[in-house]
Amino acid sequence: MTETKSEKEGKKITVNIRGEVLMQAIKLRQKRELEEGTVLSVTEVIGDAIREKYEREIGKEAVEQ
């Protein structure tokens, strides 16, 4: 689990990267390696998955307000 604070609002959002999100990150890594021809670190891809999930959560909060 990763916790991040939004710099704009100072809110804390917890991102769960178990299960489906982690599997998507691994698939994304494999796809990017095939397309780009470079080896990516798992950390980089998981970071991308966390960032994407975080941005979705921020979007949900904006819609709710």
N, C-alpha and C. Protein backbone atom coordinates (compact mmCIF):
# COMPACT_ATOMS: atom_id res chain seq x y z
N MET A 1 0.83 -1.16 0.00
CA MET A 1 0.00 0.00 0.00
C MET A 1 0.88 1.24 0.00
N THR A 2 0.47 2.25 -0.72
CA THR A 2 1.23 3.48 -0.81
C THR A 2 0.33 4.63 -0.43
N GLU A 3 0.86 5.52 0.38
CA GLU A 3 0.09 6.70 0.77
C GLU A 3 0.76 7.93 0.19
N THR A 4 -0.04 8.81 -0.38
CA THR A 4 0.48 10.01 -0.99
C THR A 4 -0.38 11.18 -0.58
N LYS A 5 0.23 12.32 -0.37
CA LYS A 5 -0.54 13.52 -0.04
C LYS A 5 -0.62 14.39 -1.28
N SER A 6 -1.80 14.90 -1.54
CA SER A 6 -1.98 15.84 -2.63
C SER A 6 -1.39 17.17 -2.19
N GLU A 7 -0.46 17.69 -2.98
CA GLU A 7 0.19 18.94 -2.60
C GLU A 7 -0.79 20.10 -2.60
N LYS A 8 -1.75 20.08 -3.51
CA LYS A 8 -2.70 21.18 -3.61
C LYS A 8 -3.61 21.26 -2.40
N GLU A 9 -4.14 20.14 -1.98
CA GLU A 9 -5.15 20.14 -0.93
C GLU A 9 -4.67 19.52 0.37
N GLY A 10 -3.52 18.88 0.36
CA GLY A 10 -3.00 18.26 1.57
C GLY A 10 -3.78 17.05 2.01
N LYS A 11 -4.56 16.45 1.11
CA LYS A 11 -5.34 15.26 1.44
C LYS A 11 -4.48 14.02 1.27
N LYS A 12 -4.72 13.02 2.10
CA LYS A 12 -3.98 11.77 2.00
C LYS A 12 -4.85 10.75 1.28
N ILE A 13 -4.27 10.11 0.28
CA ILE A 13 -4.97 9.08 -0.48
C ILE A 13 -4.17 7.79 -0.37
N THR A 14 -4.84 6.71 -0.01
CA THR A 14 -4.19 5.40 0.07
C THR A 14 -4.50 4.64 -1.21
N VAL A 15 -3.47 4.11 -1.83
CA VAL A 15 -3.61 3.37 -3.08
C VAL A 15 -3.26 1.91 -2.81
N ASN A 16 -4.19 1.03 -3.10
CA ASN A 16 -3.98 -0.40 -2.92
C ASN A 16 -3.45 -0.96 -4.23
N ILE A 17 -2.23 -1.51 -4.21
CA ILE A 17 -1.65 -2.03 -5.45
C ILE A 17 -1.58 -3.55 -5.46
N ARG A 18 -2.44 -4.18 -4.68
CA ARG A 18 -2.45 -5.65 -4.69
C ARG A 18 -3.33 -6.15 -5.83
N GLY A 19 -3.17 -7.40 -6.15
CA GLY A 19 -4.07 -8.09 -7.06
C GLY A 19 -4.11 -7.54 -8.47
N GLU A 20 -5.29 -7.10 -8.87
CA GLU A 20 -5.54 -6.73 -10.26
C GLU A 20 -4.64 -5.60 -10.75
N VAL A 21 -4.45 -4.58 -9.94
CA VAL A 21 -3.62 -3.45 -10.36
C VAL A 21 -2.18 -3.90 -10.56
N LEU A 22 -1.69 -4.75 -9.68
CA LEU A 22 -0.32 -5.25 -9.81
C LEU A 22 -0.18 -6.10 -11.07
N MET A 23 -1.16 -6.93 -11.35
CA MET A 23 -1.12 -7.75 -12.57
C MET A 23 -1.15 -6.87 -13.81
N GLN A 24 -1.95 -5.80 -13.78
CA GLN A 24 -1.99 -4.87 -14.91
C GLN A 24 -0.63 -4.19 -15.09
N ALA A 25 0.02 -3.86 -13.98
CA ALA A 25 1.34 -3.23 -14.05
C ALA A 25 2.35 -4.17 -14.70
N ILE A 26 2.29 -5.43 -14.36
CA ILE A 26 3.22 -6.41 -14.94
C ILE A 26 2.95 -6.57 -16.43
N LYS A 27 1.68 -6.64 -16.83
CA LYS A 27 1.33 -6.75 -18.25
C LYS A 27 1.78 -5.50 -19.01
N LEU A 28 1.58 -4.34 -18.39
CA LEU A 28 2.01 -3.09 -19.01
C LEU A 28 3.52 -3.08 -19.22
N ARG A 29 4.24 -3.58 -18.23
CA ARG A 29 5.71 -3.65 -18.33
C ARG A 29 6.11 -4.51 -19.52
N GLN A 30 5.51 -5.69 -19.64
CA GLN A 30 5.84 -6.59 -20.74
C GLN A 30 5.52 -5.95 -22.09
N LYS A 31 4.36 -5.29 -22.18
CA LYS A 31 3.95 -4.64 -23.42
C LYS A 31 4.92 -3.53 -23.80
N ARG A 32 5.27 -2.69 -22.82
CA ARG A 32 6.19 -1.58 -23.09
C ARG A 32 7.57 -2.10 -23.49
N GLU A 33 8.02 -3.19 -22.88
CA GLU A 33 9.32 -3.75 -23.24
C GLU A 33 9.32 -4.23 -24.68
N LEU A 34 8.23 -4.86 -25.10
CA LEU A 34 8.15 -5.34 -26.48
C LEU A 34 8.11 -4.18 -27.47
N GLU A 35 7.30 -3.15 -27.15
CA GLU A 35 7.15 -2.01 -28.06
C GLU A 35 8.40 -1.14 -28.12
N GLU A 36 8.98 -0.86 -26.97
CA GLU A 36 10.11 0.07 -26.91
C GLU A 36 11.46 -0.62 -27.05
N GLY A 37 11.48 -1.93 -26.84
CA GLY A 37 12.73 -2.67 -26.96
C GLY A 37 13.71 -2.41 -25.82
N THR A 38 13.22 -1.86 -24.73
CA THR A 38 14.08 -1.60 -23.57
C THR A 38 13.53 -2.34 -22.36
N VAL A 39 14.41 -2.64 -21.45
CA VAL A 39 14.00 -3.33 -20.23
C VAL A 39 13.64 -2.27 -19.19
N LEU A 40 12.45 -2.39 -18.65
CA LEU A 40 11.97 -1.45 -17.64
C LEU A 40 12.01 -2.11 -16.28
N SER A 41 12.28 -1.32 -15.28
CA SER A 41 12.27 -1.88 -13.92
C SER A 41 10.83 -2.05 -13.46
N VAL A 42 10.61 -3.06 -12.66
CA VAL A 42 9.28 -3.29 -12.10
C VAL A 42 8.87 -2.08 -11.27
N THR A 43 9.82 -1.48 -10.59
CA THR A 43 9.53 -0.31 -9.76
C THR A 43 8.95 0.82 -10.59
N GLU A 44 9.53 1.04 -11.77
CA GLU A 44 9.04 2.11 -12.65
C GLU A 44 7.60 1.85 -13.09
N VAL A 45 7.31 0.62 -13.45
CA VAL A 45 5.97 0.28 -13.93
C VAL A 45 4.96 0.34 -12.79
N ILE A 46 5.34 -0.14 -11.62
CA ILE A 46 4.45 -0.06 -10.46
C ILE A 46 4.21 1.40 -10.10
N GLY A 47 5.25 2.21 -10.21
CA GLY A 47 5.10 3.65 -9.98
C GLY A 47 4.10 4.26 -10.93
N ASP A 48 4.15 3.85 -12.21
CA ASP A 48 3.18 4.33 -13.20
C ASP A 48 1.77 3.90 -12.82
N ALA A 49 1.62 2.66 -12.36
CA ALA A 49 0.30 2.15 -11.97
C ALA A 49 -0.24 2.92 -10.77
N ILE A 50 0.63 3.20 -9.81
CA ILE A 50 0.21 3.96 -8.63
C ILE A 50 -0.20 5.37 -9.04
N ARG A 51 0.59 5.99 -9.90
CA ARG A 51 0.29 7.35 -10.36
C ARG A 51 -1.06 7.40 -11.07
N GLU A 52 -1.31 6.40 -11.93
CA GLU A 52 -2.57 6.33 -12.66
C GLU A 52 -3.74 6.18 -11.69
N LYS A 53 -3.60 5.28 -10.73
CA LYS A 53 -4.65 5.06 -9.73
C LYS A 53 -4.87 6.33 -8.91
N TYR A 54 -3.80 6.99 -8.52
CA TYR A 54 -3.87 8.23 -7.74
C TYR A 54 -4.62 9.30 -8.52
N GLU A 55 -4.30 9.45 -9.81
CA GLU A 55 -4.97 10.44 -10.64
C GLU A 55 -6.45 10.13 -10.79
N ARG A 56 -6.81 8.84 -10.86
CA ARG A 56 -8.22 8.46 -10.92
C ARG A 56 -8.94 8.86 -9.64
N GLU A 57 -8.29 8.63 -8.49
CA GLU A 57 -8.89 8.98 -7.20
C GLU A 57 -9.09 10.49 -7.09
N ILE A 58 -8.12 11.26 -7.54
CA ILE A 58 -8.24 12.73 -7.53
C ILE A 58 -9.41 13.14 -8.42
N GLY A 59 -9.54 12.50 -9.58
CA GLY A 59 -10.65 12.79 -10.49
C GLY A 59 -11.99 12.49 -9.86
N LYS A 60 -12.09 11.38 -9.12
CA LYS A 60 -13.34 11.03 -8.44
C LYS A 60 -13.71 12.08 -7.42
N GLU A 61 -12.70 12.57 -6.66
CA GLU A 61 -12.96 13.59 -5.65
C GLU A 61 -13.46 14.87 -6.30
N ALA A 62 -12.90 15.24 -7.44
CA ALA A 62 -13.31 16.46 -8.13
C ALA A 62 -14.75 16.35 -8.62
N VAL A 63 -15.13 15.18 -9.10
CA VAL A 63 -16.49 14.96 -9.59
C VAL A 63 -17.49 15.00 -8.43
N GLU A 64 -17.10 14.43 -7.30
CA GLU A 64 -17.99 14.38 -6.14
C GLU A 64 -18.25 15.77 -5.56
N GLN A 65 -17.29 16.68 -5.71
CA GLN A 65 -17.46 18.02 -5.15
C GLN A 65 -18.27 18.82 -6.08
